[in-house]
Amino acid sequence: MKLTRHFVEKPWGRTDLPSAFAAPDGKRIGEIWYESDESPTLPLLVKWLFTSEKLSIQVHPTDAQAAARGLPSGKEECWYIVDAEPGAVLGIGTKRPLDAAELRAASLSGEIEDLIDWKPVRAGDYFYIPAGTVHA
């Protein structure tokens, strides 16, 4: 199966990608996805992320939550850090347990960023992020 490179523009993306990626000129590329020409949906999404700013704080559904919304599956992530600037961090989970109301209130007020468990990263680090985990 052949995979095709798909460039995804993001406001936090970069214009200075490594030469191996041959990004379109002037585009702020944040992600490069590899998609199949033969199958509309692969069971695994492989992508590169290139960031120039902080990413959004997200949480992806579990398989059960996705099924309840008519989606084919939830989303777990594995992150392998290929390169990182000094001071780079990845947020995985919160510093303390939050119930739904606390998480919503912190998200709306902007305080969520202070509640995230920020982990320093460097090239070679690997992280598994289960579905349902707040991350950035």
Protein backbone atom coordinates (compact mmCIF):
# COMPACT_ATOMS: atom_id res chain seq x y z
CA MET A 1 0.00 0.00 0.00
CA LYS A 2 1.35 3.42 -0.95
CA LEU A 3 0.95 6.32 1.47
CA THR A 4 0.64 9.88 0.23
CA ARG A 5 1.99 12.84 2.16
CA HIS A 6 -0.72 15.36 3.09
CA PHE A 7 0.33 18.82 4.37
CA VAL A 8 -1.98 20.37 6.97
CA GLU A 9 -1.73 24.09 7.64
CA LYS A 10 -2.03 25.20 11.26
CA PRO A 11 -1.66 28.67 12.83
CA TRP A 12 1.03 27.26 15.13
CA GLY A 13 2.83 25.57 12.23
CA ARG A 14 6.19 26.41 10.70
CA THR A 15 7.42 27.67 7.36
CA ASP A 16 10.96 26.34 7.94
CA LEU A 17 10.48 22.57 7.69
CA PRO A 18 13.43 20.22 7.22
CA SER A 19 14.36 19.91 3.54
CA ALA A 20 13.28 16.26 3.44
CA PHE A 21 9.64 17.36 3.67
CA ALA A 22 9.62 19.86 0.77
CA ALA A 23 6.79 21.94 2.21
CA PRO A 24 4.83 24.31 -0.04
CA ASP A 25 6.40 27.80 -0.01
CA GLY A 26 4.92 30.27 2.45
CA LYS A 27 2.54 27.78 4.08
CA ARG A 28 2.51 27.35 7.89
CA ILE A 29 2.62 23.57 8.02
CA GLY A 30 1.74 22.14 11.41
CA GLU A 31 1.16 18.52 10.51
CA ILE A 32 2.08 16.09 7.78
CA TRP A 33 -0.24 13.10 7.57
CA TYR A 34 0.37 9.92 5.63
CA GLU A 35 -2.81 8.72 3.94
CA SER A 36 -3.62 5.72 1.80
CA ASP A 37 -4.54 6.11 -1.85
CA GLU A 38 -6.39 2.80 -1.67
CA SER A 39 -8.34 2.95 1.60
CA PRO A 40 -10.32 5.91 2.96
CA THR A 41 -9.50 5.12 6.60
CA LEU A 42 -6.43 3.38 7.99
CA PRO A 43 -6.48 1.91 11.49
CA LEU A 44 -3.37 3.94 12.30
CA LEU A 45 -2.64 7.61 11.61
CA VAL A 46 1.03 8.53 11.29
CA LYS A 47 1.88 12.19 11.24
CA TRP A 48 4.69 14.63 11.93
CA LEU A 49 4.02 17.78 13.97
CA PHE A 50 6.01 20.97 13.51
CA THR A 51 5.25 23.64 16.08
CA SER A 52 6.25 27.25 16.50
CA GLU A 53 3.82 27.93 19.38
CA LYS A 54 1.93 26.07 22.09
CA LEU A 55 -0.59 23.53 20.84
CA SER A 56 -4.21 23.52 21.97
CA ILE A 57 -5.25 21.52 25.02
CA GLN A 58 -7.28 18.51 23.87
CA VAL A 59 -8.87 15.30 25.03
CA HIS A 60 -9.83 12.50 22.63
CA PRO A 61 -12.71 10.08 23.18
CA THR A 62 -12.43 6.45 24.20
CA ASP A 63 -13.86 3.81 21.85
CA ALA A 64 -17.08 3.73 23.93
CA GLN A 65 -17.45 7.53 23.88
CA ALA A 66 -16.82 7.62 20.14
CA ALA A 67 -19.35 4.84 19.47
CA ALA A 68 -21.99 6.74 21.50
CA ARG A 69 -21.48 9.67 19.09
CA GLY A 70 -21.58 7.53 15.95
CA LEU A 71 -17.82 7.67 15.34
CA PRO A 72 -15.87 4.57 14.26
CA SER A 73 -13.33 4.65 17.12
CA GLY A 74 -11.72 6.64 19.88
CA LYS A 75 -8.20 7.97 19.67
CA GLU A 76 -5.08 7.04 21.59
CA GLU A 77 -1.78 8.69 20.76
CA CYS A 78 1.90 7.80 20.94
CA TRP A 79 4.40 10.61 20.64
CA TYR A 80 8.03 10.06 19.72
CA ILE A 81 10.06 13.24 20.05
CA VAL A 82 12.43 13.51 17.08
CA ASP A 83 13.74 16.99 17.92
CA ALA A 84 12.94 19.61 20.53
CA GLU A 85 14.20 23.07 21.37
CA PRO A 86 15.48 23.75 24.90
CA GLY A 87 12.57 24.23 27.29
CA ALA A 88 10.10 22.24 25.16
CA VAL A 89 7.27 20.58 27.11
CA LEU A 90 4.38 18.22 26.53
CA GLY A 91 1.27 18.31 28.72
CA ILE A 92 -0.13 14.93 29.75
CA GLY A 93 -2.99 14.83 32.20
CA THR A 94 -3.62 17.22 35.06
CA LYS A 95 -1.64 17.83 38.24
CA ARG A 96 -4.63 16.64 40.28
CA PRO A 97 -7.91 14.89 39.45
CA LEU A 98 -10.61 17.24 38.13
CA ASP A 99 -14.29 16.47 37.78
CA ALA A 100 -16.14 17.52 34.62
CA ALA A 101 -17.39 20.79 36.13
CA GLU A 102 -13.90 21.80 37.32
CA LEU A 103 -12.36 20.94 33.96
CA ARG A 104 -15.00 22.96 32.09
CA ALA A 105 -14.63 25.97 34.40
CA ALA A 106 -10.82 25.90 34.15
CA SER A 107 -11.06 25.63 30.35
CA LEU A 108 -13.41 28.60 30.10
CA SER A 109 -11.38 30.78 32.49
CA GLY A 110 -8.01 29.92 30.96
CA GLU A 111 -6.75 28.42 34.22
CA ILE A 112 -6.51 24.98 32.58
CA GLU A 113 -2.97 25.69 31.42
CA ASP A 114 -1.82 25.95 35.07
CA LEU A 115 -3.51 22.63 35.92
CA ILE A 116 -1.83 20.60 33.16
CA ASP A 117 1.05 18.28 34.11
CA TRP A 118 3.80 19.71 31.87
CA LYS A 119 6.69 17.33 31.18
CA PRO A 120 10.03 18.44 29.74
CA VAL A 121 10.88 16.68 26.47
CA ARG A 122 13.99 16.02 24.44
CA ALA A 123 14.84 14.07 21.32
CA GLY A 124 14.35 10.34 21.83
CA ASP A 125 11.55 10.61 24.40
CA TYR A 126 8.42 8.51 23.92
CA PHE A 127 4.98 9.10 25.45
CA TYR A 128 1.77 7.07 25.36
CA ILE A 129 -1.41 9.13 25.77
CA PRO A 130 -4.50 6.99 26.43
CA ALA A 131 -7.88 8.10 25.07
CA GLY A 132 -9.64 10.31 27.60
CA THR A 133 -6.39 11.97 28.75
CA VAL A 134 -6.16 15.75 28.62
CA HIS A 135 -3.01 16.65 26.66
CA ALA A 136 -1.20 19.42 24.79
